[in-house]
Amino acid sequence: AAIALYRPGPMKFINEFILKKKGRKKVTYPHQLLEDVLKDTYGIMIYQEQVMQTASVIANFTLGEADILRRAMGKKMLDEMDAKREKFIKNAKKNHIDKKTAEEIFEMMIPFAGYGFNKSHAAGYALLAYETAYLKAHYPVEFLAASLSSVMDNSKRVRLFIEDCKSHNIGVLPPSINSSYVKFKPVQGKIYFGLAAIKNVGEKAAQQIVNERERNGPYKGLFDFVLRLTSDIVNKKAIEGLVKAGAFDCVEKSRAKLFASIENALKEMSGFRKERSFGQISLFDSV
């Protein structure tokens, strides 16, 4: 119920719900026929199903008609609502409900039909909230690392989660070409910054950086890095992004020096590969 209450329709009844739940305020119903419909929520309409049940109990609507009414209310279909209102009040009279009470109940239904959750929807969100709260309480480092990885393409949300890490005294280590992984990773109570979260790097380039490092060891410097990777994947923009983010600080502290060397490193790498390719061709030509 707490999940469904926090919606534009039922939200104004949150305090009333709490007071009634704790027995500090008497539970009342818009009409005695609605007691079975609303008793689980202390006389307050919270779920969309309750809107449909109200139409059924008060005005003898079939559940199909009640669902059409709910949709008309939710989408503000005024002509349909007016037609259903007339039928609602007319049928309510057959159940010995006066026009004023019927109109009040109909008006009460409108905001809940448009903004309320259905019960199964609320239950699904409640389960998810419980599970994530449990994980954050008992496995905070792993939970926040996974949360950071889930929003890697959104820098604002990454910053938000990093602030959350700080508030829980969980260190987020700066990105490094020699220790970071593709995504954010929990290691011994800290979180390694994910390379794929760096602007202009992306998951494909980050994966190649990590794969090459795991196969052939740490990178010794910018030129070694450029030589060992495929330039069409780990391109100039990706390298610039890594330098700006401090991912090369582990091999060279001066980011300005590194940034100025990128163009030259790429040219040398290109020339080296051309020479190597030419050497291979010459070798086969001579056979």
Protein backbone atom coordinates (compact mmCIF):
# COMPACT_ATOMS: atom_id res chain seq x y z
CA ALA A 1 0.00 0.00 0.00
CA ALA A 2 2.86 2.41 0.76
CA ILE A 3 4.05 2.19 -2.87
CA ALA A 4 0.56 2.79 -4.29
CA LEU A 5 -0.09 5.66 -1.87
CA TYR A 6 2.85 7.64 -3.19
CA ARG A 7 1.00 8.60 -6.38
CA PRO A 8 -0.73 11.88 -7.36
CA GLY A 9 -4.20 10.45 -6.70
CA PRO A 10 -3.84 8.86 -3.24
CA MET A 11 -0.86 10.96 -2.07
CA LYS A 12 -2.97 13.51 -0.20
CA PHE A 13 -4.31 10.69 1.98
CA ILE A 14 -0.91 9.46 3.22
CA ASN A 15 -1.21 11.07 6.67
CA GLU A 16 -4.81 9.91 7.01
CA PHE A 17 -3.79 6.36 6.05
CA ILE A 18 -1.05 6.35 8.71
CA LEU A 19 -3.38 7.65 11.42
CA LYS A 20 -6.05 5.07 10.59
CA LYS A 21 -3.54 2.24 10.36
CA LYS A 22 -2.21 3.12 13.83
CA GLY A 23 -5.72 3.42 15.25
CA ARG A 24 -5.46 7.14 15.90
CA LYS A 25 -8.34 7.97 13.58
CA LYS A 26 -11.62 6.15 13.07
CA VAL A 27 -11.98 4.21 9.82
CA THR A 28 -15.03 5.37 7.85
CA TYR A 29 -16.41 4.50 4.41
CA PRO A 30 -18.09 6.65 1.74
CA HIS A 31 -20.95 4.13 1.91
CA GLN A 32 -21.49 0.94 3.89
CA LEU A 33 -21.54 -1.10 0.66
CA LEU A 34 -17.88 -0.19 0.16
CA GLU A 35 -16.63 -1.67 3.43
CA ASP A 36 -15.52 -4.95 1.83
CA VAL A 37 -13.88 -3.04 -1.03
CA LEU A 38 -11.95 -0.57 1.15
CA LYS A 39 -11.42 -2.29 4.51
CA ASP A 40 -7.87 -3.46 3.66
CA THR A 41 -6.88 0.15 2.95
CA TYR A 42 -8.69 1.69 5.95
CA GLY A 43 -11.52 3.24 3.94
CA ILE A 44 -9.19 4.97 1.47
CA MET A 45 -9.30 4.24 -2.25
CA ILE A 46 -5.74 3.40 -3.34
CA TYR A 47 -5.75 0.82 -6.12
CA GLN A 48 -7.29 0.95 -9.58
CA GLU A 49 -9.07 -2.32 -8.83
CA GLN A 50 -10.93 -0.54 -6.03
CA VAL A 51 -12.24 1.99 -8.56
CA MET A 52 -13.62 -0.85 -10.65
CA GLN A 53 -15.03 -2.68 -7.62
CA THR A 54 -16.70 0.52 -6.45
CA ALA A 55 -18.45 0.92 -9.81
CA SER A 56 -19.55 -2.70 -9.60
CA VAL A 57 -20.81 -2.60 -6.01
CA ILE A 58 -22.42 0.86 -6.04
CA ALA A 59 -23.81 0.96 -9.59
CA ASN A 60 -23.97 -2.71 -10.66
CA PHE A 61 -21.42 -2.19 -13.45
CA THR A 62 -19.95 -5.34 -14.94
CA LEU A 63 -16.17 -5.52 -14.50
CA GLY A 64 -15.86 -4.86 -18.23
CA GLU A 65 -17.95 -1.69 -17.92
CA ALA A 66 -16.00 -0.71 -14.80
CA ASP A 67 -12.72 -1.03 -16.67
CA ILE A 68 -14.04 1.16 -19.50
CA LEU A 69 -15.03 3.73 -16.88
CA ARG A 70 -11.56 3.54 -15.29
CA ARG A 71 -9.89 4.15 -18.65
CA ALA A 72 -12.26 7.01 -19.49
CA MET A 73 -11.43 8.65 -16.16
CA GLY A 74 -7.70 8.06 -16.59
CA LYS A 75 -7.62 9.55 -20.09
CA LYS A 76 -10.08 12.35 -19.27
CA MET A 77 -12.54 11.17 -21.95
CA LEU A 78 -15.25 13.64 -20.94
CA ASP A 79 -18.06 12.40 -23.20
CA GLU A 80 -17.56 8.82 -22.05
CA MET A 81 -17.32 9.93 -18.41
CA ASP A 82 -20.55 11.92 -18.64
CA ALA A 83 -22.39 8.93 -20.10
CA LYS A 84 -21.02 6.62 -17.41
CA ARG A 85 -21.75 9.17 -14.68
CA GLU A 86 -25.41 9.25 -15.65
CA LYS A 87 -25.61 5.45 -15.59
CA PHE A 88 -23.65 5.30 -12.32
CA ILE A 89 -26.06 7.64 -10.52
CA LYS A 90 -29.12 5.97 -12.03
CA ASN A 91 -27.97 2.47 -11.03
CA ALA A 92 -26.86 3.64 -7.58
CA LYS A 93 -30.43 4.74 -6.92
CA LYS A 94 -31.52 1.11 -7.41
CA ASN A 95 -29.22 0.25 -4.49
CA HIS A 96 -30.93 2.90 -2.35
CA ILE A 97 -28.06 5.38 -2.66
CA ASP A 98 -29.14 9.00 -3.02
CA LYS A 99 -27.93 11.17 -5.89
CA LYS A 100 -25.67 13.37 -3.73
CA THR A 101 -23.80 10.39 -2.25
CA ALA A 102 -23.51 8.72 -5.66
CA GLU A 103 -22.06 11.90 -7.19
CA GLU A 104 -19.56 12.25 -4.32
CA ILE A 105 -18.40 8.66 -4.78
CA PHE A 106 -18.09 9.13 -8.54
CA GLU A 107 -16.00 12.29 -8.07
CA MET A 108 -13.85 10.50 -5.50
CA MET A 109 -13.05 7.77 -8.04
CA ILE A 110 -11.70 10.09 -10.75
CA PRO A 111 -8.19 10.94 -9.42
CA PHE A 112 -7.57 7.35 -8.34
CA ALA A 113 -8.54 5.98 -11.75
CA GLY A 114 -6.11 8.33 -13.47
CA TYR A 115 -3.11 8.16 -11.18
CA GLY A 116 -3.46 5.13 -8.93
CA PHE A 117 -1.53 1.88 -9.35
CA ASN A 118 -3.20 -1.45 -9.80
CA LYS A 119 -2.43 -3.77 -6.90
CA SER A 120 -0.18 -6.19 -8.80
CA HIS A 121 1.87 -3.27 -10.12
CA ALA A 122 2.32 -1.91 -6.61
CA ALA A 123 3.24 -5.39 -5.32
CA GLY A 124 5.91 -5.77 -8.01
CA TYR A 125 7.47 -2.42 -7.12
CA ALA A 126 7.29 -3.24 -3.40
CA LEU A 127 9.16 -6.52 -3.94
CA LEU A 128 11.82 -4.75 -6.00
CA ALA A 129 12.16 -2.04 -3.33
CA TYR A 130 12.54 -4.68 -0.60
CA GLU A 131 15.15 -6.66 -2.55
CA THR A 132 17.25 -3.63 -3.48
CA ALA A 133 17.05 -2.24 0.07
CA TYR A 134 18.25 -5.60 1.41
CA LEU A 135 21.16 -5.72 -1.05
CA LYS A 136 22.20 -2.15 -0.30
CA ALA A 137 22.07 -2.79 3.46
CA HIS A 138 24.00 -6.09 3.40
CA TYR A 139 26.16 -5.79 0.25
CA PRO A 140 26.63 -2.03 -0.19
CA VAL A 141 29.85 -2.15 -2.24
CA GLU A 142 28.54 -4.75 -4.67
CA PHE A 143 25.16 -3.05 -4.89
CA LEU A 144 26.59 0.40 -5.63
CA ALA A 145 29.10 -1.00 -8.14
CA ALA A 146 26.23 -2.67 -10.01
CA SER A 147 24.16 0.52 -9.76
CA LEU A 148 27.01 2.57 -11.23
CA SER A 149 27.45 0.06 -14.06
CA SER A 150 23.74 0.29 -14.87
CA VAL A 151 23.97 4.05 -15.57
CA MET A 152 27.40 4.28 -17.24
CA ASP A 153 25.99 6.24 -20.19
CA ASN A 154 24.50 8.90 -17.90
CA SER A 155 27.22 11.04 -16.30
CA LYS A 156 24.78 12.86 -14.01
CA ARG A 157 23.54 9.62 -12.50
CA VAL A 158 27.10 8.29 -12.22
CA ARG A 159 27.98 11.38 -10.15
CA LEU A 160 24.87 10.85 -8.04
CA PHE A 161 25.85 7.26 -7.21
CA ILE A 162 29.46 8.28 -6.50
CA GLU A 163 28.13 10.78 -3.96
CA ASP A 164 26.10 7.94 -2.47
CA CYS A 165 29.30 5.88 -2.21
CA LYS A 166 31.03 8.74 -0.39
CA SER A 167 28.14 9.03 2.07
CA HIS A 168 28.64 5.34 2.90
CA ASN A 169 32.45 5.69 3.16
CA ILE A 170 32.97 3.53 0.08
CA GLY A 171 35.96 4.60 -1.96
CA VAL A 172 35.66 4.85 -5.75
CA LEU A 173 39.15 4.51 -7.21
CA PRO A 174 39.97 6.76 -10.19
CA PRO A 175 40.07 5.12 -13.63
CA SER A 176 43.30 3.44 -14.65
CA ILE A 177 44.35 1.64 -17.83
CA ASN A 178 46.24 -0.84 -15.63
CA SER A 179 43.69 -1.61 -12.92
CA SER A 180 40.18 -0.62 -14.03
CA TYR A 181 37.74 -3.00 -15.67
CA VAL A 182 35.11 -2.44 -18.35
CA LYS A 183 32.38 -1.78 -15.78
CA PHE A 184 32.53 -0.61 -12.18
CA LYS A 185 33.87 -3.47 -10.09
CA PRO A 186 33.93 -4.10 -6.33
CA VAL A 187 37.38 -5.12 -5.08
CA GLN A 188 38.25 -5.47 -1.37
CA GLY A 189 35.70 -2.98 -0.13
CA LYS A 190 36.33 -0.39 -2.84
CA ILE A 191 34.99 0.21 -6.33
CA TYR A 192 37.18 0.40 -9.43
CA PHE A 193 35.93 3.01 -11.88
CA GLY A 194 34.60 1.45 -15.10
CA LEU A 195 36.53 2.44 -18.23
CA ALA A 196 33.35 2.29 -20.34
CA ALA A 197 31.88 5.12 -18.26
CA ILE A 198 34.54 7.55 -19.53
CA LYS A 199 33.30 9.91 -22.23
CA ASN A 200 34.13 8.79 -25.80
CA VAL A 201 35.51 5.42 -24.66
CA GLY A 202 32.54 3.06 -24.68
CA GLU A 203 32.22 -0.61 -23.87
CA LYS A 204 33.87 -2.03 -27.00
CA ALA A 205 37.08 -0.01 -26.57
CA ALA A 206 37.13 -0.65 -22.81
CA GLN A 207 36.81 -4.38 -23.40
CA GLN A 208 39.77 -4.39 -25.80
CA ILE A 209 41.90 -2.44 -23.31
CA VAL A 210 41.14 -4.92 -20.52
CA ASN A 211 41.53 -8.02 -22.73
CA GLU A 212 44.94 -6.92 -24.00
CA ARG A 213 46.13 -6.09 -20.48
CA GLU A 214 45.03 -9.48 -19.16
CA ARG A 215 46.77 -11.29 -22.04
CA ASN A 216 50.06 -9.39 -22.15
CA GLY A 217 50.40 -7.50 -18.89
CA PRO A 218 50.20 -3.85 -17.78
CA TYR A 219 50.73 -1.00 -20.22
CA LYS A 220 54.12 0.70 -19.87
CA GLY A 221 53.11 4.03 -21.34
CA LEU A 222 51.17 5.83 -24.05
CA PHE A 223 53.24 4.49 -26.97
CA ASP A 224 53.04 0.92 -25.66
CA PHE A 225 49.28 1.36 -25.21
CA VAL A 226 48.75 2.67 -28.75
CA LEU A 227 50.94 -0.02 -30.29
CA ARG A 228 49.09 -2.90 -28.63
CA LEU A 229 45.52 -1.84 -29.47
CA THR A 230 43.41 -1.52 -32.61
CA SER A 231 43.19 2.14 -33.60
CA ASP A 232 39.74 1.92 -35.18
CA ILE A 233 38.30 0.77 -31.82
CA VAL A 234 40.54 2.59 -29.33
CA ASN A 235 40.75 5.74 -31.43
CA LYS A 236 42.07 9.24 -30.81
CA LYS A 237 38.89 10.46 -29.09
CA ALA A 238 38.90 7.46 -26.76
CA ILE A 239 42.56 8.03 -25.84
CA GLU A 240 41.91 11.73 -25.21
CA GLY A 241 38.99 10.80 -22.97
CA LEU A 242 41.17 8.36 -21.03
CA VAL A 243 43.91 10.97 -20.55
CA LYS A 244 41.45 13.65 -19.40
CA ALA A 245 39.88 11.22 -16.93
CA GLY A 246 43.29 10.38 -15.44
CA ALA A 247 43.38 6.78 -16.67
CA PHE A 248 47.03 7.22 -17.73
CA ASP A 249 48.14 8.74 -14.40
CA CYS A 250 49.52 5.33 -13.44
CA VAL A 251 52.20 5.63 -16.16
CA GLU A 252 52.58 9.41 -16.54
CA LYS A 253 51.45 12.07 -14.06
CA SER A 254 51.52 14.97 -16.53
CA ARG A 255 48.24 14.86 -18.42
CA ALA A 256 49.24 17.88 -20.52
CA LYS A 257 52.37 16.06 -21.67
CA LEU A 258 50.36 12.95 -22.51
CA PHE A 259 47.69 14.91 -24.35
CA ALA A 260 50.32 16.63 -26.47
CA SER A 261 51.87 13.25 -27.32
CA ILE A 262 48.71 11.52 -28.59
CA GLU A 263 48.96 12.71 -32.21
CA ASN A 264 52.63 11.75 -32.44
CA ALA A 265 52.01 8.35 -30.83
CA LEU A 266 49.26 7.54 -33.31
CA LYS A 267 51.44 8.60 -36.26
CA GLU A 268 54.36 6.48 -35.06
CA MET A 269 52.07 3.52 -34.50
CA SER A 270 50.64 3.90 -38.01
CA GLY A 271 54.12 4.14 -39.51
CA PHE A 272 55.35 1.14 -37.55
CA ARG A 273 52.46 -0.99 -38.73
CA LYS A 274 52.99 0.06 -42.33
CA GLU A 275 56.66 -0.87 -42.10
CA ARG A 276 55.81 -4.20 -40.53
CA SER A 277 53.23 -4.87 -43.24
CA PHE A 278 55.72 -3.90 -45.96
CA GLY A 279 58.34 -6.16 -44.43
CA GLN A 280 55.98 -9.12 -44.50
CA ILE A 281 55.05 -8.47 -48.14
CA SER A 282 58.73 -8.18 -49.16
CA LEU A 283 59.51 -11.43 -47.41
CA PHE A 284 56.82 -13.32 -49.32
CA ASP A 285 57.77 -11.63 -52.58
CA SER A 286 61.31 -12.93 -52.22
CA VAL A 287 60.21 -16.55 -51.72
